[in-house]
PDB file of all heavy atoms in Angstrom:
ATOM      1  N   ILE A   1       0.775  -1.206   0.079  1.00  0.00           N
ATOM      2  CA  ILE A   1       0.033  -0.025  -0.067  1.00  0.00           C
ATOM      3  C   ILE A   1       0.918   1.156   0.030  1.00  0.00           C
ATOM      4  O   ILE A   1       1.626   1.466   0.843  1.00  0.00           O
ATOM      5  CB  ILE A   1      -0.876  -0.027   1.204  1.00  0.00           C
ATOM      6  CG1 ILE A   1      -1.864  -1.154   1.208  1.00  0.00           C
ATOM      7  CG2 ILE A   1      -1.784   1.334   1.171  1.00  0.00           C
ATOM      8  CD1 ILE A   1      -2.668  -1.409   2.424  1.00  0.00           C
ATOM      9  N   LYS A   2       0.675   2.125  -0.977  1.00  0.00           N
ATOM     10  CA  LYS A   2       1.398   3.477  -1.078  1.00  0.00           C
ATOM     11  C   LYS A   2       0.360   4.467  -1.217  1.00  0.00           C
ATOM     12  O   LYS A   2      -0.681   4.286  -1.842  1.00  0.00           O
ATOM     13  CB  LYS A   2       2.392   3.411  -2.226  1.00  0.00           C
ATOM     14  CG  LYS A   2       3.497   2.311  -2.231  1.00  0.00           C
ATOM     15  CD  LYS A   2       4.441   2.463  -1.089  1.00  0.00           C
ATOM     16  CE  LYS A   2       5.557   1.475  -1.098  1.00  0.00           C
ATOM     17  NZ  LYS A   2       6.527   1.635  -0.057  1.00  0.00           N
ATOM     18  N   VAL A   3       0.722   5.739  -0.642  1.00  0.00           N
ATOM     19  CA  VAL A   3      -0.187   6.868  -0.804  1.00  0.00           C
ATOM     20  C   VAL A   3       0.585   7.980  -1.462  1.00  0.00           C
ATOM     21  O   VAL A   3       1.655   8.322  -0.918  1.00  0.00           O
ATOM     22  CB  VAL A   3      -0.750   7.234   0.539  1.00  0.00           C
ATOM     23  CG1 VAL A   3      -1.603   8.477   0.289  1.00  0.00           C
ATOM     24  CG2 VAL A   3      -1.640   6.127   1.115  1.00  0.00           C
ATOM     25  N   LEU A   4       0.065   8.521  -2.573  1.00  0.00           N
ATOM     26  CA  LEU A   4       0.886   9.553  -3.251  1.00  0.00           C
ATOM     27  C   LEU A   4      -0.029  10.886  -3.017  1.00  0.00           C
ATOM     28  O   LEU A   4      -1.248  10.858  -3.211  1.00  0.00           O
ATOM     29  CB  LEU A   4       0.924   9.303  -4.763  1.00  0.00           C
ATOM     30  CG  LEU A   4       1.719   8.102  -5.093  1.00  0.00           C
ATOM     31  CD1 LEU A   4       1.745   7.859  -6.646  1.00  0.00           C
ATOM     32  CD2 LEU A   4       3.167   8.238  -4.597  1.00  0.00           C
ATOM     33  N   LYS A   5       0.759  11.985  -2.786  1.00  0.00           N
ATOM     34  CA  LYS A   5       0.101  13.264  -2.555  1.00  0.00           C
ATOM     35  C   LYS A   5      -0.434  13.885  -3.918  1.00  0.00           C
ATOM     36  O   LYS A   5      -0.061  13.322  -4.991  1.00  0.00           O
ATOM     37  CB  LYS A   5       1.072  14.275  -1.882  1.00  0.00           C
ATOM     38  CG  LYS A   5       1.448  13.787  -0.517  1.00  0.00           C
ATOM     39  CD  LYS A   5       2.476  14.775   0.046  1.00  0.00           C
ATOM     40  CE  LYS A   5       2.902  14.422   1.556  1.00  0.00           C
ATOM     41  NZ  LYS A   5       3.719  13.192   1.480  1.00  0.00           N
ATOM     42  N   GLU A   6      -1.161  14.949  -3.772  1.00  0.00           N
ATOM     43  CA  GLU A   6      -1.688  15.645  -5.043  1.00  0.00           C
ATOM     44  C   GLU A   6      -0.705  15.924  -6.036  1.00  0.00           C
ATOM     45  O   GLU A   6      -0.964  15.911  -7.239  1.00  0.00           O
ATOM     46  CB  GLU A   6      -2.470  16.761  -4.607  1.00  0.00           C
ATOM     47  CG  GLU A   6      -3.380  17.335  -5.797  1.00  0.00           C
ATOM     48  CD  GLU A   6      -4.388  16.501  -6.440  1.00  0.00           C
ATOM     49  OE1 GLU A   6      -5.036  15.709  -5.568  1.00  0.00           O
ATOM     50  OE2 GLU A   6      -4.701  16.635  -7.581  1.00  0.00           O
ATOM     51  N   TYR A   7       0.464  16.404  -5.580  1.00  0.00           N
ATOM     52  CA  TYR A   7       1.531  16.874  -6.426  1.00  0.00           C
ATOM     53  C   TYR A   7       2.558  15.773  -6.894  1.00  0.00           C
ATOM     54  O   TYR A   7       3.612  16.032  -7.381  1.00  0.00           O
ATOM     55  CB  TYR A   7       2.262  18.084  -5.943  1.00  0.00           C
ATOM     56  CG  TYR A   7       2.805  17.771  -4.490  1.00  0.00           C
ATOM     57  CD1 TYR A   7       4.030  17.173  -4.267  1.00  0.00           C
ATOM     58  CD2 TYR A   7       2.093  18.245  -3.351  1.00  0.00           C
ATOM     59  CE1 TYR A   7       4.619  16.923  -3.067  1.00  0.00           C
ATOM     60  CE2 TYR A   7       2.582  17.934  -2.052  1.00  0.00           C
ATOM     61  CZ  TYR A   7       3.892  17.372  -1.923  1.00  0.00           C
ATOM     62  OH  TYR A   7       4.289  17.077  -0.769  1.00  0.00           O
ATOM     63  N   GLU A   8       2.250  14.485  -6.456  1.00  0.00           N
ATOM     64  CA  GLU A   8       3.155  13.438  -6.726  1.00  0.00           C
ATOM     65  C   GLU A   8       2.540  12.476  -7.794  1.00  0.00           C
ATOM     66  O   GLU A   8       1.386  12.215  -7.853  1.00  0.00           O
ATOM     67  CB  GLU A   8       3.469  12.624  -5.473  1.00  0.00           C
ATOM     68  CG  GLU A   8       4.398  13.511  -4.473  1.00  0.00           C
ATOM     69  CD  GLU A   8       4.622  12.649  -3.157  1.00  0.00           C
ATOM     70  OE1 GLU A   8       3.835  11.855  -2.920  1.00  0.00           O
ATOM     71  OE2 GLU A   8       5.701  12.998  -2.560  1.00  0.00           O
ATOM     72  N   ARG A   9       3.456  11.801  -8.475  1.00  0.00           N
ATOM     73  CA  ARG A   9       3.090  10.758  -9.315  1.00  0.00           C
ATOM     74  C   ARG A   9       4.092   9.655  -9.236  1.00  0.00           C
ATOM     75  O   ARG A   9       5.195   9.842  -8.867  1.00  0.00           O
ATOM     76  CB  ARG A   9       3.083  11.212 -10.825  1.00  0.00           C
ATOM     77  CG  ARG A   9       2.081  12.361 -11.194  1.00  0.00           C
ATOM     78  CD  ARG A   9       0.686  11.815 -11.069  1.00  0.00           C
ATOM     79  NE  ARG A   9      -0.236  12.771 -11.471  1.00  0.00           N
ATOM     80  CZ  ARG A   9      -0.746  13.667 -10.672  1.00  0.00           C
ATOM     81  NH1 ARG A   9      -0.293  13.764  -9.419  1.00  0.00           N
ATOM     82  NH2 ARG A   9      -1.607  14.653 -11.138  1.00  0.00           N
ATOM     83  N   GLY A  10       3.673   8.387  -9.467  1.00  0.00           N
ATOM     84  CA  GLY A  10       4.487   7.245  -9.337  1.00  0.00           C
ATOM     85  C   GLY A  10       4.740   6.601 -10.640  1.00  0.00           C
ATOM     86  O   GLY A  10       3.668   6.202 -11.400  1.00  0.00           O
ATOM     87  N   VAL A  11       6.078   6.322 -11.038  1.00  0.00           N
ATOM     88  CA  VAL A  11       6.260   5.593 -12.250  1.00  0.00           C
ATOM     89  C   VAL A  11       6.501   4.187 -11.793  1.00  0.00           C
ATOM     90  O   VAL A  11       7.421   3.692 -10.958  1.00  0.00           O
ATOM     91  CB  VAL A  11       7.621   6.112 -12.880  1.00  0.00           C
ATOM     92  CG1 VAL A  11       8.035   5.308 -14.065  1.00  0.00           C
ATOM     93  CG2 VAL A  11       7.440   7.605 -13.227  1.00  0.00           C
ATOM     94  N   ILE A  12       5.598   3.138 -12.284  1.00  0.00           N
ATOM     95  CA  ILE A  12       5.584   1.901 -11.786  1.00  0.00           C
ATOM     96  C   ILE A  12       6.456   0.951 -12.774  1.00  0.00           C
ATOM     97  O   ILE A  12       6.123   0.897 -13.967  1.00  0.00           O
ATOM     98  CB  ILE A  12       4.106   1.370 -11.863  1.00  0.00           C
ATOM     99  CG1 ILE A  12       3.273   2.278 -11.002  1.00  0.00           C
ATOM    100  CG2 ILE A  12       4.058  -0.027 -11.236  1.00  0.00           C
ATOM    101  CD1 ILE A  12       3.643   2.466  -9.548  1.00  0.00           C
ATOM    102  N   PHE A  13       7.347   0.250 -12.252  1.00  0.00           N
ATOM    103  CA  PHE A  13       8.064  -0.609 -12.991  1.00  0.00           C
ATOM    104  C   PHE A  13       7.662  -2.104 -12.670  1.00  0.00           C
ATOM    105  O   PHE A  13       7.726  -2.517 -11.449  1.00  0.00           O
ATOM    106  CB  PHE A  13       9.675  -0.630 -12.617  1.00  0.00           C
ATOM    107  CG  PHE A  13      10.379   0.576 -13.050  1.00  0.00           C
ATOM    108  CD1 PHE A  13      10.289   1.812 -12.412  1.00  0.00           C
ATOM    109  CD2 PHE A  13      11.104   0.468 -14.359  1.00  0.00           C
ATOM    110  CE1 PHE A  13      10.826   2.879 -12.974  1.00  0.00           C
ATOM    111  CE2 PHE A  13      11.732   1.645 -14.729  1.00  0.00           C
ATOM    112  CZ  PHE A  13      11.641   2.891 -14.027  1.00  0.00           C
ATOM    113  N   THR A  14       7.149  -2.774 -13.673  1.00  0.00           N
ATOM    114  CA  THR A  14       6.659  -4.128 -13.462  1.00  0.00           C
ATOM    115  C   THR A  14       7.763  -5.123 -14.244  1.00  0.00           C
ATOM    116  O   THR A  14       7.840  -5.108 -15.440  1.00  0.00           O
ATOM    117  CB  THR A  14       5.358  -4.318 -14.114  1.00  0.00           C
ATOM    118  OG1 THR A  14       4.428  -3.382 -13.466  1.00  0.00           O
ATOM    119  CG2 THR A  14       4.768  -5.776 -13.859  1.00  0.00           C
ATOM    120  N   LEU A  15       8.432  -5.918 -13.304  1.00  0.00           N
ATOM    121  CA  LEU A  15       9.446  -6.703 -13.831  1.00  0.00           C
ATOM    122  C   LEU A  15      10.480  -5.973 -14.726  1.00  0.00           C
ATOM    123  O   LEU A  15      10.997  -6.394 -15.729  1.00  0.00           O
ATOM    124  CB  LEU A  15       8.895  -7.947 -14.703  1.00  0.00           C
ATOM    125  CG  LEU A  15       8.058  -8.917 -13.822  1.00  0.00           C
ATOM    126  CD1 LEU A  15       7.437 -10.060 -14.863  1.00  0.00           C
ATOM    127  CD2 LEU A  15       8.818  -9.504 -12.762  1.00  0.00           C
ATOM    128  N   GLY A  16      10.753  -4.719 -14.218  1.00  0.00           N
ATOM    129  CA  GLY A  16      11.668  -3.946 -14.865  1.00  0.00           C
ATOM    130  C   GLY A  16      11.283  -3.008 -16.032  1.00  0.00           C
ATOM    131  O   GLY A  16      12.026  -2.214 -16.551  1.00  0.00           O
ATOM    132  N   LYS A  17       9.958  -3.222 -16.309  1.00  0.00           N
ATOM    133  CA  LYS A  17       9.332  -2.409 -17.486  1.00  0.00           C
ATOM    134  C   LYS A  17       8.349  -1.512 -17.050  1.00  0.00           C
ATOM    135  O   LYS A  17       7.685  -1.754 -16.021  1.00  0.00           O
ATOM    136  CB  LYS A  17       8.773  -3.382 -18.592  1.00  0.00           C
ATOM    137  CG  LYS A  17       9.845  -4.355 -19.208  1.00  0.00           C
ATOM    138  CD  LYS A  17       9.115  -5.317 -20.120  1.00  0.00           C
ATOM    139  CE  LYS A  17      10.043  -6.258 -20.906  1.00  0.00           C
ATOM    140  NZ  LYS A  17       9.430  -7.105 -21.954  1.00  0.00           N
ATOM    141  N   VAL A  18       8.080  -0.547 -17.817  1.00  0.00           N
ATOM    142  CA  VAL A  18       7.158   0.536 -17.560  1.00  0.00           C
ATOM    143  C   VAL A  18       6.099   0.483 -18.686  1.00  0.00           C
ATOM    144  O   VAL A  18       6.355   0.707 -19.801  1.00  0.00           O
ATOM    145  CB  VAL A  18       7.755   1.839 -17.504  1.00  0.00           C
ATOM    146  CG1 VAL A  18       6.610   3.087 -17.232  1.00  0.00           C
ATOM    147  CG2 VAL A  18       8.789   2.093 -16.365  1.00  0.00           C
ATOM    148  N   SER A  19       4.849   0.206 -18.332  1.00  0.00           N
ATOM    149  CA  SER A  19       3.790   0.019 -19.185  1.00  0.00           C
ATOM    150  C   SER A  19       3.331   1.432 -19.689  1.00  0.00           C
ATOM    151  O   SER A  19       3.224   2.294 -18.818  1.00  0.00           O
ATOM    152  CB  SER A  19       2.618  -0.724 -18.606  1.00  0.00           C
ATOM    153  OG  SER A  19       1.525  -0.812 -19.515  1.00  0.00           O
ATOM    154  N   LEU A  20       3.023   1.580 -20.866  1.00  0.00           N
ATOM    155  CA  LEU A  20       2.499   2.800 -21.387  1.00  0.00           C
ATOM    156  C   LEU A  20       1.146   3.152 -20.845  1.00  0.00           C
ATOM    157  O   LEU A  20       0.892   4.338 -20.538  1.00  0.00           O
ATOM    158  CB  LEU A  20       2.423   2.811 -23.000  1.00  0.00           C
ATOM    159  CG  LEU A  20       3.774   2.702 -23.711  1.00  0.00           C
ATOM    160  CD1 LEU A  20       3.662   2.613 -25.217  1.00  0.00           C
ATOM    161  CD2 LEU A  20       4.692   4.068 -23.298  1.00  0.00           C
ATOM    162  N   ALA A  21       0.368   2.186 -20.719  1.00  0.00           N
ATOM    163  CA  ALA A  21      -1.012   2.389 -20.249  1.00  0.00           C
ATOM    164  C   ALA A  21      -1.092   2.543 -18.755  1.00  0.00           C
ATOM    165  O   ALA A  21      -1.861   3.426 -18.198  1.00  0.00           O
ATOM    166  CB  ALA A  21      -1.922   1.292 -20.657  1.00  0.00           C
ATOM    167  N   ARG A  22      -0.406   1.747 -17.956  1.00  0.00           N
ATOM    168  CA  ARG A  22      -0.454   1.737 -16.455  1.00  0.00           C
ATOM    169  C   ARG A  22       0.784   2.081 -15.795  1.00  0.00           C
ATOM    170  O   ARG A  22       1.084   1.701 -14.642  1.00  0.00           O
ATOM    171  CB  ARG A  22      -0.984   0.299 -16.015  1.00  0.00           C
ATOM    172  CG  ARG A  22      -2.392  -0.061 -16.605  1.00  0.00           C
ATOM    173  CD  ARG A  22      -2.742  -1.394 -16.158  1.00  0.00           C
ATOM    174  NE  ARG A  22      -4.129  -1.774 -16.646  1.00  0.00           N
ATOM    175  CZ  ARG A  22      -4.642  -2.878 -16.364  1.00  0.00           C
ATOM    176  NH1 ARG A  22      -4.112  -3.860 -15.599  1.00  0.00           N
ATOM    177  NH2 ARG A  22      -5.834  -3.224 -16.851  1.00  0.00           N
ATOM    178  N   GLY A  23       1.709   2.607 -16.514  1.00  0.00           N
ATOM    179  CA  GLY A  23       3.018   2.973 -15.987  1.00  0.00           C
ATOM    180  C   GLY A  23       3.021   4.197 -15.015  1.00  0.00           C
ATOM    181  O   GLY A  23       3.979   4.197 -14.250  1.00  0.00           O
ATOM    182  N   ILE A  24       2.082   5.000 -15.099  1.00  0.00           N
ATOM    183  CA  ILE A  24       2.014   6.176 -14.192  1.00  0.00           C
ATOM    184  C   ILE A  24       0.773   6.061 -13.256  1.00  0.00           C
ATOM    185  O   ILE A  24      -0.247   5.906 -13.779  1.00  0.00           O
ATOM    186  CB  ILE A  24       1.967   7.436 -15.099  1.00  0.00           C
ATOM    187  CG1 ILE A  24       3.033   7.468 -16.098  1.00  0.00           C
ATOM    188  CG2 ILE A  24       1.984   8.658 -14.204  1.00  0.00           C
ATOM    189  CD1 ILE A  24       4.498   7.534 -15.507  1.00  0.00           C
ATOM    190  N   LYS A  25       0.990   6.128 -12.030  1.00  0.00           N
ATOM    191  CA  LYS A  25      -0.087   6.145 -11.064  1.00  0.00           C
ATOM    192  C   LYS A  25      -0.113   7.350 -10.082  1.00  0.00           C
ATOM    193  O   LYS A  25       1.021   8.051 -10.001  1.00  0.00           O
ATOM    194  CB  LYS A  25       0.144   4.807 -10.125  1.00  0.00           C
ATOM    195  CG  LYS A  25       0.063   3.568 -10.884  1.00  0.00           C
ATOM    196  CD  LYS A  25      -1.297   3.236 -11.364  1.00  0.00           C
ATOM    197  CE  LYS A  25      -1.305   1.864 -11.903  1.00  0.00           C
ATOM    198  NZ  LYS A  25      -2.647   1.456 -12.478  1.00  0.00           N
ATOM    199  N   GLY A  26      -1.267   7.631  -9.563  1.00  0.00           N
ATOM    200  CA  GLY A  26      -1.475   8.724  -8.668  1.00  0.00           C
ATOM    201  C   GLY A  26      -2.256   9.908  -9.113  1.00  0.00           C
ATOM    202  O   GLY A  26      -2.481   9.989 -10.252  1.00  0.00           O
ATOM    203  N   PRO A  27      -2.633  10.740  -8.226  1.00  0.00           N
ATOM    204  CA  PRO A  27      -2.401  10.666  -6.776  1.00  0.00           C
ATOM    205  C   PRO A  27      -3.455   9.807  -6.065  1.00  0.00           C
ATOM    206  O   PRO A  27      -4.379   9.323  -6.718  1.00  0.00           O
ATOM    207  CB  PRO A  27      -2.520  12.155  -6.345  1.00  0.00           C
ATOM    208  CG  PRO A  27      -3.633  12.689  -7.325  1.00  0.00           C
ATOM    209  CD  PRO A  27      -3.332  12.050  -8.598  1.00  0.00           C
ATOM    210  N   GLY A  28      -3.175   9.511  -4.686  1.00  0.00           N
ATOM    211  CA  GLY A  28      -4.106   8.649  -4.038  1.00  0.00           C
ATOM    212  C   GLY A  28      -3.508   7.414  -3.569  1.00  0.00           C
ATOM    213  O   GLY A  28      -2.250   7.348  -3.397  1.00  0.00           O
ATOM    214  N   LEU A  29      -4.316   6.340  -3.368  1.00  0.00           N
ATOM    215  CA  LEU A  29      -3.911   5.023  -2.846  1.00  0.00           C
ATOM    216  C   LEU A  29      -3.429   4.215  -4.110  1.00  0.00           C
ATOM    217  O   LEU A  29      -4.072   4.050  -5.051  1.00  0.00           O
ATOM    218  CB  LEU A  29      -5.120   4.262  -2.149  1.00  0.00           C
ATOM    219  CG  LEU A  29      -4.828   2.965  -1.521  1.00  0.00           C
ATOM    220  CD1 LEU A  29      -3.728   3.146  -0.342  1.00  0.00           C
ATOM    221  CD2 LEU A  29      -6.048   2.295  -0.999  1.00  0.00           C
ATOM    222  N   ILE A  30      -2.203   3.605  -3.877  1.00  0.00           N
ATOM    223  CA  ILE A  30      -1.588   2.714  -4.884  1.00  0.00           C
ATOM    224  C   ILE A  30      -1.301   1.407  -4.273  1.00  0.00           C
ATOM    225  O   ILE A  30      -0.843   1.282  -3.177  1.00  0.00           O
ATOM    226  CB  ILE A  30      -0.371   3.451  -5.457  1.00  0.00           C
ATOM    227  CG1 ILE A  30      -0.553   4.916  -5.937  1.00  0.00           C
ATOM    228  CG2 ILE A  30       0.296   2.460  -6.565  1.00  0.00           C
ATOM    229  CD1 ILE A  30      -1.566   4.992  -7.099  1.00  0.00           C
ATOM    230  N   LEU A  31      -1.776   0.395  -4.989  1.00  0.00           N
ATOM    231  CA  LEU A  31      -1.381  -1.027  -4.549  1.00  0.00           C
ATOM    232  C   LEU A  31      -0.234  -1.559  -5.496  1.00  0.00           C
ATOM    233  O   LEU A  31      -0.312  -1.557  -6.636  1.00  0.00           O
ATOM    234  CB  LEU A  31      -2.701  -1.842  -4.697  1.00  0.00           C
ATOM    235  CG  LEU A  31      -3.792  -1.503  -3.822  1.00  0.00           C
ATOM    236  CD1 LEU A  31      -4.960  -2.350  -3.965  1.00  0.00           C
ATOM    237  CD2 LEU A  31      -3.297  -1.422  -2.332  1.00  0.00           C
ATOM    238  N   LEU A  32       0.815  -2.106  -4.739  1.00  0.00           N
ATOM    239  CA  LEU A  32       1.940  -2.754  -5.584  1.00  0.00           C
ATOM    240  C   LEU A  32       1.997  -4.206  -5.138  1.00  0.00           C
ATOM    241  O   LEU A  32       1.724  -4.572  -4.023  1.00  0.00           O
ATOM    242  CB  LEU A  32       3.210  -1.945  -5.169  1.00  0.00           C
ATOM    243  CG  LEU A  32       3.260  -0.442  -5.603  1.00  0.00           C
ATOM    244  CD1 LEU A  32       4.556   0.145  -5.024  1.00  0.00           C
ATOM    245  CD2 LEU A  32       3.149  -0.294  -7.066  1.00  0.00           C
TER     246      LEU A  32
END
């Protein structure tokens, strides 16, 4: 569980790769 503030974004690496569709998350609650 991760929480990102309004001015933050999360770049998600899945097995070392960043998906074009789901690679950027936030703000709010993020599940990894």
